[in-house]
Amino acid sequence: MIAILAQTEMNSRDTDLVFSYMLGRTEHSIRMRRVQIAQRMIRNGHSLPYVAKLLHFEESETHLITINQIT
């Protein structure tokens, strides 16, 4: 991806948008993977507070685990 950006004539604003999009997708992927791991741990008998602390979930993020666990 970086090589493609280097070969094209994009202004810095366009480049910033592309990189921020890529970073956003990466952060989303990491967040969803953490939720999947948390769900698996809860299914294996660990408590939600333990899993949230172990995986460094913020207080505002724990609803992701419980909502996705129900569905």
PDB file of N, CA and C in Angstrom:
ATOM      1  N   MET A   1       0.828  -1.196   0.000  1.00  0.00           N
ATOM      2  CA  MET A   1       0.000   0.000   0.000  1.00  0.00           C
ATOM      3  C   MET A   1       0.871   1.257   0.000  1.00  0.00           C
ATOM      4  N   ILE A   2       1.934   1.242   0.769  1.00  0.00           N
ATOM      5  CA  ILE A   2       2.811   2.413   0.836  1.00  0.00           C
ATOM      6  C   ILE A   2       3.473   2.648  -0.517  1.00  0.00           C
ATOM      7  N   ALA A   3       3.880   1.571  -1.181  1.00  0.00           N
ATOM      8  CA  ALA A   3       4.510   1.712  -2.494  1.00  0.00           C
ATOM      9  C   ALA A   3       3.536   2.310  -3.497  1.00  0.00           C
ATOM     10  N   ILE A   4       2.292   1.911  -3.430  1.00  0.00           N
ATOM     11  CA  ILE A   4       1.278   2.463  -4.331  1.00  0.00           C
ATOM     12  C   ILE A   4       1.124   3.958  -4.087  1.00  0.00           C
ATOM     13  N   LEU A   5       1.078   4.351  -2.825  1.00  0.00           N
ATOM     14  CA  LEU A   5       0.949   5.772  -2.508  1.00  0.00           C
ATOM     15  C   LEU A   5       2.166   6.553  -2.983  1.00  0.00           C
ATOM     16  N   ALA A   6       3.340   5.946  -2.894  1.00  0.00           N
ATOM     17  CA  ALA A   6       4.555   6.634  -3.319  1.00  0.00           C
ATOM     18  C   ALA A   6       4.577   6.823  -4.834  1.00  0.00           C
ATOM     19  N   GLN A   7       3.981   5.904  -5.564  1.00  0.00           N
ATOM     20  CA  GLN A   7       4.004   5.986  -7.019  1.00  0.00           C
ATOM     21  C   GLN A   7       2.970   6.966  -7.565  1.00  0.00           C
ATOM     22  N   THR A   8       1.905   7.187  -6.840  1.00  0.00           N
ATOM     23  CA  THR A   8       0.866   8.093  -7.323  1.00  0.00           C
ATOM     24  C   THR A   8       1.151   9.500  -6.849  1.00  0.00           C
ATOM     25  N   GLU A   9       0.578  10.440  -7.552  1.00  0.00           N
ATOM     26  CA  GLU A   9       0.767  11.831  -7.173  1.00  0.00           C
ATOM     27  C   GLU A   9      -0.437  12.284  -6.358  1.00  0.00           C
ATOM     28  N   MET A  10      -0.398  11.995  -5.085  1.00  0.00           N
ATOM     29  CA  MET A  10      -1.477  12.391  -4.185  1.00  0.00           C
ATOM     30  C   MET A  10      -0.974  13.549  -3.337  1.00  0.00           C
ATOM     31  N   ASN A  11      -1.875  14.442  -3.023  1.00  0.00           N
ATOM     32  CA  ASN A  11      -1.453  15.504  -2.121  1.00  0.00           C
ATOM     33  C   ASN A  11      -1.474  14.969  -0.689  1.00  0.00           C
ATOM     34  N   SER A  12      -0.920  15.714   0.233  1.00  0.00           N
ATOM     35  CA  SER A  12      -0.773  15.219   1.600  1.00  0.00           C
ATOM     36  C   SER A  12      -2.121  14.980   2.274  1.00  0.00           C
ATOM     37  N   ARG A  13      -3.135  15.745   1.905  1.00  0.00           N
ATOM     38  CA  ARG A  13      -4.458  15.552   2.502  1.00  0.00           C
ATOM     39  C   ARG A  13      -5.021  14.190   2.112  1.00  0.00           C
ATOM     40  N   ASP A  14      -4.899  13.826   0.839  1.00  0.00           N
ATOM     41  CA  ASP A  14      -5.364  12.516   0.378  1.00  0.00           C
ATOM     42  C   ASP A  14      -4.605  11.387   1.075  1.00  0.00           C
ATOM     43  N   THR A  15      -3.303  11.544   1.182  1.00  0.00           N
ATOM     44  CA  THR A  15      -2.481  10.535   1.842  1.00  0.00           C
ATOM     45  C   THR A  15      -2.894  10.385   3.296  1.00  0.00           C
ATOM     46  N   ASP A  16      -3.137  11.496   3.985  1.00  0.00           N
ATOM     47  CA  ASP A  16      -3.580  11.449   5.378  1.00  0.00           C
ATOM     48  C   ASP A  16      -4.911  10.722   5.506  1.00  0.00           C
ATOM     49  N   LEU A  17      -5.820  10.949   4.568  1.00  0.00           N
ATOM     50  CA  LEU A  17      -7.116  10.272   4.607  1.00  0.00           C
ATOM     51  C   LEU A  17      -6.959   8.766   4.429  1.00  0.00           C
ATOM     52  N   VAL A  18      -6.091   8.364   3.514  1.00  0.00           N
ATOM     53  CA  VAL A  18      -5.873   6.934   3.275  1.00  0.00           C
ATOM     54  C   VAL A  18      -5.280   6.274   4.513  1.00  0.00           C
ATOM     55  N   PHE A  19      -4.258   6.891   5.094  1.00  0.00           N
ATOM     56  CA  PHE A  19      -3.627   6.301   6.267  1.00  0.00           C
ATOM     57  C   PHE A  19      -4.563   6.291   7.470  1.00  0.00           C
ATOM     58  N   SER A  20      -5.373   7.334   7.634  1.00  0.00           N
ATOM     59  CA  SER A  20      -6.304   7.343   8.764  1.00  0.00           C
ATOM     60  C   SER A  20      -7.371   6.270   8.578  1.00  0.00           C
ATOM     61  N   TYR A  21      -7.790   6.033   7.342  1.00  0.00           N
ATOM     62  CA  TYR A  21      -8.742   4.954   7.066  1.00  0.00           C
ATOM     63  C   TYR A  21      -8.117   3.600   7.403  1.00  0.00           C
ATOM     64  N   MET A  22      -6.876   3.386   6.954  1.00  0.00           N
ATOM     65  CA  MET A  22      -6.194   2.119   7.232  1.00  0.00           C
ATOM     66  C   MET A  22      -6.027   1.918   8.728  1.00  0.00           C
ATOM     67  N   LEU A  23      -5.651   2.956   9.446  1.00  0.00           N
ATOM     68  CA  LEU A  23      -5.482   2.866  10.892  1.00  0.00           C
ATOM     69  C   LEU A  23      -6.813   2.575  11.564  1.00  0.00           C
ATOM     70  N   GLY A  24      -7.859   3.216  11.115  1.00  0.00           N
ATOM     71  CA  GLY A  24      -9.186   2.973  11.674  1.00  0.00           C
ATOM     72  C   GLY A  24      -9.631   1.537  11.478  1.00  0.00           C
ATOM     73  N   ARG A  25      -9.376   0.981  10.308  1.00  0.00           N
ATOM     74  CA  ARG A  25      -9.741  -0.416  10.046  1.00  0.00           C
ATOM     75  C   ARG A  25      -8.934  -1.349  10.937  1.00  0.00           C
ATOM     76  N   THR A  26      -7.656  -1.042  11.132  1.00  0.00           N
ATOM     77  CA  THR A  26      -6.811  -1.867  11.987  1.00  0.00           C
ATOM     78  C   THR A  26      -7.314  -1.832  13.422  1.00  0.00           C
ATOM     79  N   GLU A  27      -7.635  -0.644  13.924  1.00  0.00           N
ATOM     80  CA  GLU A  27      -8.142  -0.527  15.289  1.00  0.00           C
ATOM     81  C   GLU A  27      -9.456  -1.278  15.445  1.00  0.00           C
ATOM     82  N   HIS A  28     -10.317  -1.202  14.442  1.00  0.00           N
ATOM     83  CA  HIS A  28     -11.590  -1.916  14.494  1.00  0.00           C
ATOM     84  C   HIS A  28     -11.350  -3.428  14.521  1.00  0.00           C
ATOM     85  N   SER A  29     -10.432  -3.907  13.708  1.00  0.00           N
ATOM     86  CA  SER A  29     -10.128  -5.337  13.669  1.00  0.00           C
ATOM     87  C   SER A  29      -9.590  -5.827  15.005  1.00  0.00           C
ATOM     88  N   ILE A  30      -8.711  -5.046  15.600  1.00  0.00           N
ATOM     89  CA  ILE A  30      -8.151  -5.410  16.903  1.00  0.00           C
ATOM     90  C   ILE A  30      -9.248  -5.436  17.955  1.00  0.00           C
ATOM     91  N   ARG A  31     -10.118  -4.438  17.950  1.00  0.00           N
ATOM     92  CA  ARG A  31     -11.211  -4.375  18.923  1.00  0.00           C
ATOM     93  C   ARG A  31     -12.129  -5.587  18.784  1.00  0.00           C
ATOM     94  N   MET A  32     -12.479  -5.933  17.549  1.00  0.00           N
ATOM     95  CA  MET A  32     -13.369  -7.079  17.332  1.00  0.00           C
ATOM     96  C   MET A  32     -12.700  -8.391  17.735  1.00  0.00           C
ATOM     97  N   ARG A  33     -11.414  -8.508  17.505  1.00  0.00           N
ATOM     98  CA  ARG A  33     -10.682  -9.718  17.924  1.00  0.00           C
ATOM     99  C   ARG A  33     -10.671  -9.829  19.439  1.00  0.00           C
ATOM    100  N   ARG A  34     -10.471  -8.720  20.127  1.00  0.00           N
ATOM    101  CA  ARG A  34     -10.503  -8.730  21.593  1.00  0.00           C
ATOM    102  C   ARG A  34     -11.874  -9.161  22.096  1.00  0.00           C
ATOM    103  N   VAL A  35     -12.932  -8.702  21.437  1.00  0.00           N
ATOM    104  CA  VAL A  35     -14.290  -9.095  21.830  1.00  0.00           C
ATOM    105  C   VAL A  35     -14.472 -10.595  21.631  1.00  0.00           C
ATOM    106  N   GLN A  36     -13.980 -11.127  20.529  1.00  0.00           N
ATOM    107  CA  GLN A  36     -14.099 -12.568  20.283  1.00  0.00           C
ATOM    108  C   GLN A  36     -13.369 -13.378  21.350  1.00  0.00           C
ATOM    109  N   ILE A  37     -12.181 -12.942  21.717  1.00  0.00           N
ATOM    110  CA  ILE A  37     -11.417 -13.629  22.760  1.00  0.00           C
ATOM    111  C   ILE A  37     -12.165 -13.561  24.080  1.00  0.00           C
ATOM    112  N   ALA A  38     -12.703 -12.393  24.402  1.00  0.00           N
ATOM    113  CA  ALA A  38     -13.458 -12.228  25.646  1.00  0.00           C
ATOM    114  C   ALA A  38     -14.675 -13.143  25.670  1.00  0.00           C
ATOM    115  N   GLN A  39     -15.381 -13.231  24.565  1.00  0.00           N
ATOM    116  CA  GLN A  39     -16.556 -14.108  24.499  1.00  0.00           C
ATOM    117  C   GLN A  39     -16.169 -15.563  24.737  1.00  0.00           C
ATOM    118  N   ARG A  40     -15.079 -15.980  24.137  1.00  0.00           N
ATOM    119  CA  ARG A  40     -14.622 -17.359  24.317  1.00  0.00           C
ATOM    120  C   ARG A  40     -14.271 -17.620  25.779  1.00  0.00           C
ATOM    121  N   MET A  41     -13.605 -16.660  26.417  1.00  0.00           N
ATOM    122  CA  MET A  41     -13.238 -16.825  27.825  1.00  0.00           C
ATOM    123  C   MET A  41     -14.480 -16.911  28.707  1.00  0.00           C
ATOM    124  N   ILE A  42     -15.487 -16.092  28.412  1.00  0.00           N
ATOM    125  CA  ILE A  42     -16.723 -16.114  29.199  1.00  0.00           C
ATOM    126  C   ILE A  42     -17.446 -17.448  28.998  1.00  0.00           C
ATOM    127  N   ARG A  43     -17.485 -17.928  27.773  1.00  0.00           N
ATOM    128  CA  ARG A  43     -18.099 -19.243  27.516  1.00  0.00           C
ATOM    129  C   ARG A  43     -17.371 -20.352  28.269  1.00  0.00           C
ATOM    130  N   ASN A  44     -16.077 -20.174  28.495  1.00  0.00           N
ATOM    131  CA  ASN A  44     -15.285 -21.171  29.221  1.00  0.00           C
ATOM    132  C   ASN A  44     -15.355 -20.991  30.731  1.00  0.00           C
ATOM    133  N   GLY A  45     -16.207 -20.076  31.199  1.00  0.00           N
ATOM    134  CA  GLY A  45     -16.467 -19.984  32.628  1.00  0.00           C
ATOM    135  C   GLY A  45     -15.856 -18.810  33.367  1.00  0.00           C
ATOM    136  N   HIS A  46     -15.114 -17.950  32.702  1.00  0.00           N
ATOM    137  CA  HIS A  46     -14.537 -16.788  33.382  1.00  0.00           C
ATOM    138  C   HIS A  46     -15.601 -15.707  33.537  1.00  0.00           C
ATOM    139  N   SER A  47     -15.465 -14.901  34.573  1.00  0.00           N
ATOM    140  CA  SER A  47     -16.446 -13.840  34.811  1.00  0.00           C
ATOM    141  C   SER A  47     -16.142 -12.623  33.938  1.00  0.00           C
ATOM    142  N   LEU A  48     -17.179 -11.835  33.678  1.00  0.00           N
ATOM    143  CA  LEU A  48     -17.024 -10.629  32.864  1.00  0.00           C
ATOM    144  C   LEU A  48     -16.028  -9.644  33.478  1.00  0.00           C
ATOM    145  N   PRO A  49     -16.101  -9.350  34.791  1.00  0.00           N
ATOM    146  CA  PRO A  49     -15.113  -8.415  35.355  1.00  0.00           C
ATOM    147  C   PRO A  49     -13.669  -8.908  35.205  1.00  0.00           C
ATOM    148  N   TYR A  50     -13.456 -10.209  35.382  1.00  0.00           N
ATOM    149  CA  TYR A  50     -12.110 -10.772  35.236  1.00  0.00           C
ATOM    150  C   TYR A  50     -11.609 -10.616  33.801  1.00  0.00           C
ATOM    151  N   VAL A  51     -12.457 -10.979  32.845  1.00  0.00           N
ATOM    152  CA  VAL A  51     -12.083 -10.898  31.429  1.00  0.00           C
ATOM    153  C   VAL A  51     -11.824  -9.449  31.028  1.00  0.00           C
ATOM    154  N   ALA A  52     -12.684  -8.542  31.457  1.00  0.00           N
ATOM    155  CA  ALA A  52     -12.528  -7.126  31.114  1.00  0.00           C
ATOM    156  C   ALA A  52     -11.215  -6.574  31.656  1.00  0.00           C
ATOM    157  N   LYS A  53     -10.866  -6.970  32.872  1.00  0.00           N
ATOM    158  CA  LYS A  53      -9.615  -6.487  33.465  1.00  0.00           C
ATOM    159  C   LYS A  53      -8.408  -7.116  32.762  1.00  0.00           C
ATOM    160  N   LEU A  54      -8.489  -8.408  32.491  1.00  0.00           N
ATOM    161  CA  LEU A  54      -7.380  -9.117  31.864  1.00  0.00           C
ATOM    162  C   LEU A  54      -7.075  -8.583  30.466  1.00  0.00           C
ATOM    163  N   LEU A  55      -8.117  -8.295  29.704  1.00  0.00           N
ATOM    164  CA  LEU A  55      -7.941  -7.825  28.326  1.00  0.00           C
ATOM    165  C   LEU A  55      -7.936  -6.301  28.210  1.00  0.00           C
ATOM    166  N   HIS A  56      -7.906  -5.631  29.346  1.00  0.00           N
ATOM    167  CA  HIS A  56      -7.811  -4.166  29.396  1.00  0.00           C
ATOM    168  C   HIS A  56      -8.960  -3.468  28.681  1.00  0.00           C
ATOM    169  N   PHE A  57     -10.178  -3.957  28.891  1.00  0.00           N
ATOM    170  CA  PHE A  57     -11.345  -3.279  28.347  1.00  0.00           C
ATOM    171  C   PHE A  57     -11.660  -2.069  29.209  1.00  0.00           C
ATOM    172  N   GLU A  58     -12.010  -0.972  28.561  1.00  0.00           N
ATOM    173  CA  GLU A  58     -12.481   0.204  29.276  1.00  0.00           C
ATOM    174  C   GLU A  58     -13.886  -0.082  29.795  1.00  0.00           C
ATOM    175  N   GLU A  59     -14.302   0.667  30.796  1.00  0.00           N
ATOM    176  CA  GLU A  59     -15.658   0.519  31.341  1.00  0.00           C
ATOM    177  C   GLU A  59     -16.707   0.660  30.241  1.00  0.00           C
ATOM    178  N   SER A  60     -16.471   1.590  29.321  1.00  0.00           N
ATOM    179  CA  SER A  60     -17.441   1.845  28.252  1.00  0.00           C
ATOM    180  C   SER A  60     -17.447   0.751  27.181  1.00  0.00           C
ATOM    181  N   GLU A  61     -16.462  -0.127  27.179  1.00  0.00           N
ATOM    182  CA  GLU A  61     -16.374  -1.166  26.157  1.00  0.00           C
ATOM    183  C   GLU A  61     -16.995  -2.490  26.581  1.00  0.00           C
ATOM    184  N   THR A  62     -17.250  -2.674  27.866  1.00  0.00           N
ATOM    185  CA  THR A  62     -17.726  -3.982  28.323  1.00  0.00           C
ATOM    186  C   THR A  62     -19.088  -4.330  27.741  1.00  0.00           C
ATOM    187  N   HIS A  63     -19.861  -3.323  27.344  1.00  0.00           N
ATOM    188  CA  HIS A  63     -21.156  -3.634  26.725  1.00  0.00           C
ATOM    189  C   HIS A  63     -20.979  -4.385  25.409  1.00  0.00           C
ATOM    190  N   LEU A  64     -19.848  -4.199  24.737  1.00  0.00           N
ATOM    191  CA  LEU A  64     -19.592  -4.932  23.496  1.00  0.00           C
ATOM    192  C   LEU A  64     -19.557  -6.432  23.750  1.00  0.00           C
ATOM    193  N   ILE A  65     -18.956  -6.813  24.856  1.00  0.00           N
ATOM    194  CA  ILE A  65     -18.849  -8.237  25.182  1.00  0.00           C
ATOM    195  C   ILE A  65     -20.227  -8.804  25.478  1.00  0.00           C
ATOM    196  N   THR A  66     -20.977  -8.106  26.333  1.00  0.00           N
ATOM    197  CA  THR A  66     -22.263  -8.657  26.762  1.00  0.00           C
ATOM    198  C   THR A  66     -23.285  -8.648  25.635  1.00  0.00           C
ATOM    199  N   ILE A  67     -23.312  -7.594  24.824  1.00  0.00           N
ATOM    200  CA  ILE A  67     -24.266  -7.545  23.708  1.00  0.00           C
ATOM    201  C   ILE A  67     -23.958  -8.654  22.709  1.00  0.00           C
ATOM    202  N   ASN A  68     -22.697  -8.796  22.355  1.00  0.00           N
ATOM    203  CA  ASN A  68     -22.323  -9.821  21.386  1.00  0.00           C
ATOM    204  C   ASN A  68     -22.435 -11.221  21.974  1.00  0.00           C
ATOM    205  N   GLN A  69     -22.311 -11.346  23.274  1.00  0.00           N
ATOM    206  CA  GLN A  69     -22.435 -12.645  23.920  1.00  0.00           C
ATOM    207  C   GLN A  69     -23.868 -13.145  23.833  1.00  0.00           C
ATOM    208  N   ILE A  70     -24.834 -12.236  23.926  1.00  0.00           N
ATOM    209  CA  ILE A  70     -26.249 -12.592  23.903  1.00  0.00           C
ATOM    210  C   ILE A  70     -26.675 -13.014  22.507  1.00  0.00           C
ATOM    211  N   THR A  71     -26.161 -12.321  21.489  1.00  0.00           N
ATOM    212  CA  THR A  71     -26.615 -12.590  20.115  1.00  0.00           C
ATOM    213  C   THR A  71     -25.940 -13.789  19.515  1.00  0.00           C
TER     214      THR A  71
END
